[in-house]
Protein backbone atom coordinates (compact mmCIF):
# COMPACT_ATOMS: atom_id res chain seq x y z
CA MET A 1 73.29 118.80 48.80
CA VAL A 2 72.36 115.12 48.59
CA ASP A 3 74.78 112.69 50.18
CA LEU A 4 75.39 109.75 47.81
CA GLY A 5 77.54 107.82 50.22
CA ILE A 6 80.65 108.26 48.11
CA ASP A 7 83.03 109.58 50.68
CA ASN A 8 86.21 107.78 49.93
CA ALA A 9 88.18 106.33 47.04
CA ALA A 10 87.25 102.72 47.90
CA ASN A 11 83.55 103.43 47.36
CA LEU A 12 84.34 105.13 44.03
CA LYS A 13 86.34 102.10 42.84
CA ASN A 14 83.52 99.75 43.86
CA LEU A 15 81.00 101.89 41.97
CA ALA A 16 83.23 101.96 38.87
CA ALA A 17 83.63 98.16 39.03
CA LEU A 18 79.87 97.78 39.27
CA LEU A 19 79.22 99.98 36.26
CA ASN A 20 82.06 98.54 34.15
CA PRO A 21 82.48 94.83 34.93
CA LYS A 22 85.76 93.31 33.83
CA ASP A 23 85.07 90.34 31.57
CA GLU A 24 87.52 88.62 29.32
CA ASP A 25 85.32 89.24 26.23
CA SER A 26 84.37 92.83 27.09
CA SER A 27 87.39 94.29 25.32
CA ASP A 28 86.18 92.74 22.04
CA ASP A 29 82.68 94.23 22.22
CA ASP A 30 83.60 97.13 20.00
CA MET A 31 85.18 94.91 17.35
CA PRO A 32 83.11 93.15 14.65
CA ASP A 33 82.95 89.40 14.49
CA SER A 34 85.80 87.85 12.59
CA GLY A 35 83.75 84.92 11.30
CA PRO A 36 82.35 84.45 7.78
CA SER A 37 79.49 86.88 8.46
CA ALA A 38 81.85 89.84 8.98
CA TYR A 39 81.90 92.43 6.21
CA THR A 40 85.23 93.55 4.92
CA PRO A 41 86.29 95.61 1.90
CA ALA A 42 86.88 92.30 0.09
CA SER A 43 83.19 91.40 0.45
CA ILE A 44 82.12 94.30 -1.78
CA GLY A 45 81.31 93.31 -5.33
CA PRO A 46 80.11 90.12 -6.96
CA SER A 47 80.75 86.96 -5.04
CA ALA A 48 82.11 83.79 -6.53
CA LYS A 49 79.20 81.86 -8.02
CA LYS A 50 78.80 78.19 -7.38
CA ASN A 51 77.41 75.82 -10.00
CA VAL A 52 73.87 75.84 -8.67
CA LYS A 53 71.08 75.52 -11.23
CA GLN A 54 68.46 78.22 -10.74
CA PRO A 55 64.81 77.26 -11.21
CA GLU A 56 63.35 78.51 -14.49
CA THR A 57 61.10 81.52 -14.13
CA PRO A 58 59.56 83.89 -16.66
CA TYR A 59 61.84 86.57 -15.21
CA ALA A 60 65.09 84.67 -15.74
CA LYS A 61 67.80 86.94 -17.10
CA ALA A 62 68.86 86.23 -20.64
CA SER A 63 72.31 87.09 -21.88
CA ARG A 64 72.14 90.71 -22.95
CA ASP A 65 73.99 93.97 -23.05
CA THR A 66 74.51 95.32 -19.53
CA ASN A 67 73.70 98.87 -20.70
CA ASP A 68 70.13 97.93 -21.60
CA ILE A 69 67.45 99.04 -19.17
CA TRP A 70 65.12 96.19 -20.12
CA HIS A 71 65.07 93.29 -22.51
CA GLU A 72 62.65 93.04 -25.43
CA ASP A 73 61.00 89.98 -23.89
CA GLU A 74 60.12 91.96 -20.74
CA VAL A 75 58.04 94.55 -22.59
CA GLN A 76 54.47 93.59 -23.34
CA GLU A 77 53.64 94.78 -26.83
CA LEU A 78 50.16 95.71 -27.88
CA SER A 79 48.97 93.86 -30.96
CA VAL A 80 47.62 97.13 -32.39
CA PHE A 81 51.18 98.35 -32.98
CA ALA A 82 52.00 95.47 -35.33
CA ASP A 83 50.94 97.49 -38.44
CA ASP A 84 54.20 98.86 -39.85
CA THR A 85 52.92 99.25 -43.41
CA ASP A 86 51.42 102.71 -42.79
CA SER A 87 53.87 105.31 -44.06
CA ARG A 88 52.02 108.40 -42.83
CA PRO A 89 54.14 110.55 -40.50
CA LYS A 90 53.44 110.91 -36.81
CA PRO A 91 52.05 114.36 -35.92
CA ASN A 92 53.43 116.47 -33.08
CA TYR A 93 51.64 115.82 -29.82
CA ASP A 94 51.91 116.77 -26.19
CA ILE A 95 50.61 115.02 -23.05
CA SER A 96 49.69 117.01 -19.97
CA TYR A 97 47.72 116.27 -16.82
CA LYS A 98 44.85 118.01 -15.06
CA GLN A 99 43.61 117.67 -11.50
CA LYS A 100 40.62 118.96 -9.63
CA VAL A 101 41.65 121.19 -6.75
CA SER A 102 39.71 123.18 -4.20
CA THR A 103 40.55 126.04 -1.88
CA GLU A 104 41.71 123.57 0.77
CA ASP A 105 44.32 122.27 -1.65
CA MET A 106 45.45 125.62 -3.02
CA PHE A 107 45.40 128.10 -0.16
CA LEU A 108 45.08 126.21 3.09
CA GLY A 109 47.28 123.21 2.28
CA MET A 110 44.80 120.89 3.98
CA GLY A 111 44.33 118.49 1.07
CA SER A 112 46.52 115.52 0.33
CA LYS A 113 47.12 116.50 -3.30
CA ASN A 114 50.43 117.61 -4.72
CA PRO A 115 51.43 118.82 -8.22
CA SER A 116 52.61 115.38 -9.37
CA SER A 117 50.81 113.33 -12.01
CA ALA A 118 49.93 110.77 -9.32
CA CYS A 119 47.26 113.17 -8.04
CA CYS A 120 45.79 114.02 -11.45
CA GLU A 121 42.44 112.76 -12.67
CA ASP A 122 42.62 113.66 -16.38
CA MET A 123 45.17 113.27 -19.16
CA ILE A 124 45.08 115.84 -21.97
CA ILE A 125 46.62 114.93 -25.32
CA ARG A 126 47.11 117.84 -27.71
CA ILE A 127 47.62 116.62 -31.30
CA GLU A 128 48.72 119.09 -34.00
CA LEU A 129 47.19 118.16 -37.38
CA PRO A 130 48.16 120.93 -39.85
CA GLY A 131 46.33 120.82 -43.17
CA CYS A 132 43.52 118.60 -41.82
CA SER A 133 39.89 119.35 -41.03
CA MET A 134 37.61 117.91 -38.35
CA LYS A 135 35.65 115.74 -40.80
CA ASP A 136 38.85 113.92 -41.87
CA VAL A 137 39.92 112.93 -38.33
CA GLU A 138 39.18 109.43 -37.01
CA LEU A 139 39.81 108.86 -33.31
CA ASP A 140 39.79 105.54 -31.46
CA VAL A 141 40.55 105.41 -27.75
CA LYS A 142 41.05 102.17 -25.83
CA GLU A 143 42.19 101.59 -22.26
CA ASN A 144 45.92 101.53 -23.09
CA TYR A 145 46.28 103.32 -26.43
CA LEU A 146 44.99 106.10 -28.66
CA ASP A 147 44.70 105.82 -32.45
CA CYS A 148 44.25 109.10 -34.37
CA ARG A 149 44.07 108.95 -38.18
CA CYS A 150 43.63 111.50 -40.91
CA PRO A 151 44.73 111.52 -44.59
CA LYS A 152 48.10 113.15 -43.80
CA TYR A 153 48.97 111.78 -40.35
CA ARG A 154 48.59 108.77 -38.10
CA LEU A 155 49.28 108.70 -34.38
CA LEU A 156 49.29 105.34 -32.63
CA LEU A 157 50.12 106.21 -29.04
CA ALA A 158 50.58 103.88 -26.05
CA LEU A 159 49.15 105.78 -23.09
CA PRO A 160 51.31 106.19 -19.97
CA HIS A 161 48.31 105.45 -17.69
CA PRO A 162 45.19 103.34 -18.29
CA VAL A 163 42.14 105.45 -19.15
CA ASP A 164 38.37 105.00 -19.22
CA PRO A 165 37.52 105.30 -22.93
CA LYS A 166 33.84 106.02 -22.19
CA LYS A 167 34.52 109.14 -20.09
CA GLY A 168 36.75 111.06 -22.49
CA ASN A 169 36.00 113.88 -24.92
CA ALA A 170 37.68 115.50 -27.89
CA LYS A 171 37.53 119.10 -29.13
CA TRP A 172 38.72 120.39 -32.49
CA ASP A 173 40.30 123.84 -32.70
CA GLY A 174 39.89 124.81 -36.36
CA ASN A 175 41.98 128.00 -36.11
CA LYS A 176 45.07 126.17 -34.85
CA GLU A 177 44.23 122.79 -36.49
CA VAL A 178 44.70 121.03 -33.15
CA LEU A 179 42.74 118.15 -31.63
CA ASN A 180 42.51 118.27 -27.82
CA VAL A 181 41.62 114.90 -26.32
CA THR A 182 40.74 114.80 -22.60
CA LEU A 183 40.77 111.31 -21.08
CA THR A 184 39.82 110.33 -17.54
CA MET A 185 42.48 108.09 -16.04
CA SER A 186 41.27 104.95 -14.34
CA ARG A 187 43.23 104.49 -11.15
CA GLU A 188 42.82 102.27 -8.17
CA TYR A 189 41.70 104.07 -5.07
CA ASP A 190 44.65 104.86 -2.87
CA PHE A 191 45.52 107.33 -0.17
CA ILE A 192 45.93 110.12 -2.75
CA ASN A 193 43.15 109.53 -5.26
CA PHE A 194 39.87 109.32 -3.36
CA GLN A 195 37.71 110.63 -6.25
């Protein structure tokens, strides 16, 4: 056994005094500061506002309903949606995503892809156009919106992600009267989308 030189009570007291020095302020170490920076239950919630004029910014909050998620001024509207005179109904449509995966992604789990839409390369828009034929359908795709017109329906759709309008394709299914539009999303290169 190793001899630590602690053979009597005096040595133990000296060791305890060395490890726990007695200072006047040491008893308050466990207590928070009692100055203005201390947090108390009264500091929760909105603080009293002083009459300080905030600099004007484009993001200044206007008076609005507190239940609103955003204000109308915060949403950038596309000028293409200004045409409200068209009374044709909107057809049923569905948006889904497609990604290119390999065996490393599926079976070995070595890839960095996951099933979220952040890892997808293509957006597929399935538009149901009952009573229409392929020759009647007009399709216009821009970076941020899709415009599909036929005599019975009109779909003016703001796309959830920017797309490359030159890399897309459309296929007509005459049996189901459905237009399938596949659009390649244009994304910045990041740690997920290496393309």
